[in-house]
N, C-alpha and C. Protein backbone atom coordinates (compact mmCIF):
# COMPACT_ATOMS: atom_id res chain seq x y z
N MET A 1 34.88 -2.15 -55.42
CA MET A 1 34.78 -1.91 -54.17
C MET A 1 33.42 -2.71 -53.80
N PRO A 2 33.81 -3.20 -52.48
CA PRO A 2 32.47 -4.02 -52.19
C PRO A 2 31.44 -3.17 -51.32
N HIS A 3 30.25 -3.31 -51.01
CA HIS A 3 29.24 -2.80 -50.67
C HIS A 3 29.42 -3.01 -48.98
N PRO A 4 29.22 -1.74 -48.42
CA PRO A 4 29.11 -2.35 -46.94
C PRO A 4 27.86 -2.93 -46.66
N VAL A 5 27.94 -3.66 -45.66
CA VAL A 5 26.92 -4.54 -44.90
C VAL A 5 26.66 -4.19 -43.54
N LEU A 6 25.56 -3.70 -43.36
CA LEU A 6 24.79 -3.34 -42.25
C LEU A 6 23.95 -4.46 -41.73
N THR A 7 23.64 -4.46 -40.41
CA THR A 7 22.67 -5.39 -39.42
C THR A 7 21.54 -4.52 -38.76
N THR A 8 20.67 -5.60 -38.92
CA THR A 8 19.61 -4.92 -38.11
C THR A 8 18.52 -5.94 -37.33
N ARG A 9 18.18 -5.99 -36.42
CA ARG A 9 17.29 -6.77 -35.43
C ARG A 9 16.14 -7.24 -36.11
N ALA A 10 15.64 -6.28 -36.97
CA ALA A 10 14.11 -6.70 -37.74
C ALA A 10 14.20 -5.95 -38.92
N LEU A 11 13.29 -6.41 -39.99
CA LEU A 11 12.88 -5.57 -40.99
C LEU A 11 11.45 -5.39 -40.62
N LYS A 12 10.83 -4.01 -40.77
CA LYS A 12 9.68 -3.56 -40.60
C LYS A 12 9.12 -3.51 -41.78
N CYS A 13 7.91 -3.91 -42.01
CA CYS A 13 7.06 -4.05 -43.50
C CYS A 13 6.09 -3.31 -43.27
N THR A 14 5.73 -2.45 -44.08
CA THR A 14 4.17 -1.60 -44.25
C THR A 14 3.67 -2.10 -45.73
N VAL A 15 2.48 -2.58 -45.39
CA VAL A 15 1.79 -3.21 -46.67
C VAL A 15 0.83 -2.14 -47.07
N LEU A 16 0.17 -1.66 -48.18
CA LEU A 16 -0.74 -0.80 -48.64
C LEU A 16 -2.00 -1.51 -49.06
N LEU A 17 -2.82 -2.00 -48.60
CA LEU A 17 -3.84 -2.26 -48.90
C LEU A 17 -5.10 -1.69 -49.45
N ASP A 18 -5.88 -2.52 -50.35
CA ASP A 18 -7.13 -1.74 -51.11
C ASP A 18 -8.09 -1.94 -50.00
N PRO A 19 -8.46 -0.55 -49.68
CA PRO A 19 -9.60 -0.51 -48.68
C PRO A 19 -11.15 -1.35 -48.91
N ALA A 20 -11.03 -1.22 -50.15
CA ALA A 20 -12.46 -2.25 -50.48
C ALA A 20 -12.29 -3.66 -50.19
N GLU A 21 -11.03 -4.06 -50.37
CA GLU A 21 -10.92 -5.24 -49.91
C GLU A 21 -11.10 -5.61 -48.45
N VAL A 22 -10.51 -4.72 -47.46
CA VAL A 22 -10.62 -4.65 -46.25
C VAL A 22 -11.94 -4.76 -45.63
N GLU A 23 -12.85 -3.89 -46.50
CA GLU A 23 -14.44 -3.58 -46.21
C GLU A 23 -14.96 -4.78 -46.46
N ALA A 24 -14.29 -5.69 -47.20
CA ALA A 24 -15.40 -6.84 -48.04
C ALA A 24 -14.82 -7.97 -46.85
N LEU A 25 -13.99 -7.59 -46.03
CA LEU A 25 -13.28 -9.43 -45.45
C LEU A 25 -14.83 -9.67 -44.40
N VAL A 26 -14.95 -10.79 -44.18
CA VAL A 26 -15.99 -11.60 -43.25
C VAL A 26 -15.55 -11.96 -41.83
N LEU A 27 -16.00 -11.73 -41.21
CA LEU A 27 -15.33 -12.08 -39.71
C LEU A 27 -15.95 -13.30 -39.16
N VAL A 28 -15.51 -14.59 -38.82
CA VAL A 28 -16.16 -15.50 -38.21
C VAL A 28 -16.83 -14.91 -36.45
N GLU A 29 -17.79 -15.01 -36.15
CA GLU A 29 -18.28 -14.52 -34.64
C GLU A 29 -17.46 -15.43 -33.89
N GLY A 30 -16.73 -14.68 -32.80
CA GLY A 30 -16.17 -15.36 -31.60
C GLY A 30 -15.07 -15.92 -32.08
N MET A 31 -14.50 -15.57 -33.28
CA MET A 31 -12.81 -15.80 -33.62
C MET A 31 -12.26 -14.28 -33.38
N PRO A 32 -11.19 -14.81 -31.91
CA PRO A 32 -10.57 -13.46 -31.68
C PRO A 32 -9.32 -12.94 -32.92
N ARG A 33 -9.07 -13.88 -33.60
CA ARG A 33 -7.91 -13.41 -34.72
C ARG A 33 -8.29 -14.04 -36.08
N VAL A 34 -7.65 -13.31 -37.29
CA VAL A 34 -7.88 -13.52 -38.48
C VAL A 34 -6.59 -13.57 -39.24
N GLN A 35 -6.46 -14.62 -40.05
CA GLN A 35 -4.97 -14.98 -40.74
C GLN A 35 -5.22 -14.00 -42.16
N LEU A 36 -4.72 -13.32 -42.26
CA LEU A 36 -4.57 -12.74 -44.07
C LEU A 36 -3.63 -13.30 -44.43
N ASN A 37 -3.64 -13.40 -45.90
CA ASN A 37 -3.05 -13.74 -47.08
C ASN A 37 -3.08 -12.60 -47.94
N VAL A 38 -1.95 -11.70 -48.13
CA VAL A 38 -1.67 -10.67 -49.32
C VAL A 38 -1.04 -10.84 -50.10
N ARG A 39 -1.39 -11.23 -51.48
CA ARG A 39 -0.59 -11.60 -52.37
C ARG A 39 0.02 -10.00 -53.63
N THR A 40 0.78 -9.90 -53.93
CA THR A 40 1.43 -8.84 -54.76
C THR A 40 0.44 -9.04 -55.82
N ALA A 41 0.36 -7.97 -56.44
CA ALA A 41 -0.56 -7.78 -57.65
C ALA A 41 -0.16 -8.37 -58.92
N ASP A 42 1.33 -9.06 -58.98
CA ASP A 42 1.73 -9.85 -60.04
C ASP A 42 1.66 -11.23 -59.93
N GLY A 43 1.14 -11.30 -58.29
CA GLY A 43 0.93 -12.84 -57.90
C GLY A 43 2.42 -13.44 -57.70
N SER A 44 3.61 -13.09 -57.81
CA SER A 44 4.97 -13.58 -57.44
C SER A 44 5.31 -13.70 -56.13
N ARG A 45 4.43 -13.07 -55.15
CA ARG A 45 4.61 -13.23 -53.70
C ARG A 45 3.68 -12.76 -52.72
N THR A 46 3.52 -13.65 -51.77
CA THR A 46 2.23 -14.03 -50.82
C THR A 46 2.91 -13.88 -49.30
N VAL A 47 2.26 -12.90 -48.65
CA VAL A 47 2.45 -12.48 -47.32
C VAL A 47 1.54 -13.00 -46.56
N THR A 48 1.83 -13.54 -45.26
CA THR A 48 0.83 -13.85 -44.52
C THR A 48 0.80 -13.27 -43.05
N ALA A 49 -0.16 -12.94 -42.51
CA ALA A 49 -0.28 -12.45 -40.93
C ALA A 49 -1.50 -12.56 -40.29
N ASP A 50 -1.12 -12.79 -38.97
CA ASP A 50 -2.36 -13.39 -38.19
C ASP A 50 -2.31 -11.63 -37.48
N ILE A 51 -3.81 -11.30 -37.66
CA ILE A 51 -4.15 -9.90 -36.82
C ILE A 51 -5.43 -10.03 -35.59
N ALA A 52 -5.63 -9.23 -34.88
CA ALA A 52 -6.76 -9.26 -34.24
C ALA A 52 -7.86 -8.75 -34.96
N ALA A 53 -9.19 -9.51 -34.73
CA ALA A 53 -10.40 -9.29 -35.54
C ALA A 53 -10.98 -8.14 -34.90
N LYS A 54 -10.59 -7.40 -33.81
CA LYS A 54 -11.19 -6.44 -33.57
C LYS A 54 -10.27 -5.09 -34.18
N ALA A 55 -8.82 -5.52 -34.87
CA ALA A 55 -8.54 -4.18 -35.70
C ALA A 55 -9.39 -4.20 -37.03
N VAL A 56 -9.91 -5.48 -37.28
CA VAL A 56 -10.27 -5.58 -38.71
C VAL A 56 -11.75 -4.80 -38.46
N ARG A 57 -12.42 -4.71 -37.48
CA ARG A 57 -13.64 -4.23 -37.10
C ARG A 57 -13.59 -2.62 -37.09
N LYS A 58 -12.62 -2.24 -36.65
CA LYS A 58 -12.06 -0.68 -36.08
C LYS A 58 -11.89 -0.26 -37.77
N ALA A 59 -11.06 -0.72 -38.54
CA ALA A 59 -10.64 -0.34 -39.97
C ALA A 59 -12.06 -0.60 -40.64
N GLN A 60 -12.80 -1.52 -40.66
CA GLN A 60 -14.11 -1.22 -41.35
C GLN A 60 -15.12 -0.35 -40.90
N ALA A 61 -14.89 -0.18 -39.61
CA ALA A 61 -15.96 1.23 -39.14
C ALA A 61 -15.25 2.63 -39.76
N VAL A 62 -13.98 2.64 -39.65
CA VAL A 62 -13.44 3.79 -40.40
C VAL A 62 -13.69 4.20 -42.10
N ILE A 63 -13.59 2.97 -42.72
CA ILE A 63 -14.09 2.68 -44.19
C ILE A 63 -15.53 3.12 -44.05
N ALA A 64 -16.45 2.75 -43.21
CA ALA A 64 -17.59 3.04 -43.52
C ALA A 64 -17.99 4.60 -43.37
N GLU A 65 -16.91 5.11 -42.50
CA GLU A 65 -17.60 6.71 -42.21
C GLU A 65 -16.98 7.36 -43.30
N HIS A 66 -15.79 6.74 -43.69
CA HIS A 66 -14.86 7.83 -44.65
C HIS A 66 -14.78 7.34 -45.99
N GLY A 67 -15.76 6.27 -46.30
CA GLY A 67 -15.37 5.66 -47.45
C GLY A 67 -14.23 5.19 -48.19
N THR A 68 -14.32 4.27 -48.94
CA THR A 68 -12.98 3.70 -49.61
C THR A 68 -12.05 4.49 -50.37
N ASP A 69 -12.36 5.91 -50.83
CA ASP A 69 -11.67 6.89 -51.60
C ASP A 69 -11.02 7.40 -50.11
N GLY A 70 -11.73 7.73 -49.04
CA GLY A 70 -10.93 8.74 -47.92
C GLY A 70 -10.00 8.10 -47.04
N VAL A 71 -9.58 6.61 -47.17
CA VAL A 71 -8.57 6.02 -46.45
C VAL A 71 -7.48 5.20 -46.74
N ALA A 72 -6.55 5.35 -46.14
CA ALA A 72 -5.67 4.32 -46.47
C ALA A 72 -5.40 3.34 -46.08
N ALA A 73 -5.39 1.66 -46.04
CA ALA A 73 -5.29 1.12 -45.05
C ALA A 73 -4.12 0.15 -45.20
N LEU A 74 -3.50 0.28 -44.41
CA LEU A 74 -2.25 -0.44 -43.88
C LEU A 74 -2.03 -1.73 -43.04
N LEU A 75 -1.23 -2.46 -43.16
CA LEU A 75 -0.70 -3.78 -42.58
C LEU A 75 0.46 -3.64 -42.01
N GLN A 76 1.04 -3.52 -41.03
CA GLN A 76 2.27 -3.44 -40.49
C GLN A 76 3.07 -4.71 -39.47
N GLY A 77 4.08 -4.91 -39.59
CA GLY A 77 4.50 -5.94 -38.92
C GLY A 77 5.90 -6.20 -39.25
N LYS A 78 6.82 -7.11 -38.50
CA LYS A 78 7.92 -7.43 -38.62
C LYS A 78 8.09 -8.32 -39.57
N LEU A 79 8.91 -8.15 -40.87
CA LEU A 79 9.26 -9.21 -41.41
C LEU A 79 10.03 -10.70 -41.24
N GLY A 80 9.26 -11.83 -41.10
CA GLY A 80 9.70 -13.04 -40.70
C GLY A 80 10.15 -13.90 -41.50
N THR A 81 10.97 -15.20 -41.37
CA THR A 81 11.44 -16.15 -42.43
C THR A 81 9.70 -16.75 -42.70
N GLY A 82 9.73 -16.88 -44.42
CA GLY A 82 8.68 -17.50 -44.72
C GLY A 82 7.66 -16.37 -45.16
N ASP A 83 8.02 -15.20 -45.39
CA ASP A 83 7.12 -14.02 -45.99
C ASP A 83 5.89 -14.24 -44.53
N VAL A 84 6.30 -14.18 -43.75
CA VAL A 84 5.14 -13.81 -42.23
C VAL A 84 5.26 -12.46 -41.75
N LEU A 85 4.51 -11.98 -41.88
CA LEU A 85 4.48 -10.58 -40.87
C LEU A 85 4.36 -11.27 -38.99
N LEU A 86 5.50 -10.70 -38.25
CA LEU A 86 4.93 -10.99 -37.41
C LEU A 86 4.69 -9.80 -36.56
N GLU A 87 4.00 -9.84 -35.08
CA GLU A 87 3.20 -8.86 -34.79
C GLU A 87 3.01 -8.01 -35.39
N ALA A 88 1.74 -8.16 -36.65
CA ALA A 88 1.01 -7.56 -37.19
C ALA A 88 -0.10 -6.56 -36.86
N GLY A 89 -0.31 -5.80 -37.35
CA GLY A 89 -1.30 -4.87 -37.16
C GLY A 89 -1.87 -4.29 -38.17
N LEU A 90 -3.44 -4.32 -38.18
CA LEU A 90 -4.02 -3.12 -39.30
C LEU A 90 -4.70 -2.05 -38.84
N VAL A 91 -4.50 -1.16 -39.49
CA VAL A 91 -5.09 0.38 -39.30
C VAL A 91 -5.28 0.95 -40.67
N CYS A 92 -6.63 2.05 -40.35
CA CYS A 92 -7.26 2.61 -42.03
C CYS A 92 -6.64 4.04 -41.12
N GLN A 93 -5.93 4.79 -41.89
CA GLN A 93 -5.94 6.30 -41.62
C GLN A 93 -6.48 7.02 -42.58
N VAL A 94 -7.17 7.87 -42.04
CA VAL A 94 -8.12 8.92 -42.89
C VAL A 94 -7.11 9.94 -43.77
N LYS A 95 -7.17 9.81 -45.02
CA LYS A 95 -6.79 10.79 -45.91
C LYS A 95 -7.30 12.17 -45.85
N LEU A 96 -6.03 12.86 -45.69
CA LEU A 96 -6.36 14.41 -45.84
C LEU A 96 -6.43 15.12 -46.96
N ARG A 97 -7.80 15.74 -46.80
CA ARG A 97 -8.28 16.29 -48.31
C ARG A 97 -7.68 17.46 -48.40
N PRO A 98 -7.13 18.05 -49.70
CA PRO A 98 -6.10 19.17 -50.08
C PRO A 98 -6.96 20.51 -49.62
N GLN A 99 -8.42 20.95 -49.50
CA GLN A 99 -8.57 21.97 -48.92
C GLN A 99 -8.80 21.91 -47.62
N THR A 100 -8.99 20.86 -46.68
CA THR A 100 -8.57 20.67 -45.20
C THR A 100 -7.49 20.85 -44.77
N ALA A 101 -6.49 20.22 -45.62
CA ALA A 101 -4.93 20.44 -45.45
C ALA A 101 -4.41 22.32 -45.34
N ALA A 102 -4.99 22.67 -46.57
CA ALA A 102 -4.68 24.10 -46.86
C ALA A 102 -5.39 25.15 -45.16
N ALA A 103 -6.70 24.70 -45.17
CA ALA A 103 -7.28 25.23 -43.84
C ALA A 103 -6.56 25.31 -42.53
N GLU A 104 -6.01 24.12 -42.57
CA GLU A 104 -5.20 23.93 -41.12
C GLU A 104 -4.02 24.40 -41.29
N ALA A 105 -3.29 24.84 -42.33
CA ALA A 105 -1.76 25.41 -42.23
C ALA A 105 -2.07 26.99 -41.88
């Protein structure tokens, strides 16, 4: 029996980044955008994304405040032709500590 085929307008992709690598990014003064190349750990695939430098600065500020172990760094966008993330954005989300989660419940 053949497998059903479904259709979508876009594939949304979320890439988990190493916060230490995001923290180490160096921005060129006056450049409003940054191109990131993200390679899989095994080196078999690379995805590129063009993001706002402001997003990198915000992510770095969150990392500076909460540490590399206290955040999750996420790159999100639509997967386009040629392994390009379109309309990409970068965010750092603060991880909830177990005792904090229990206190809020």
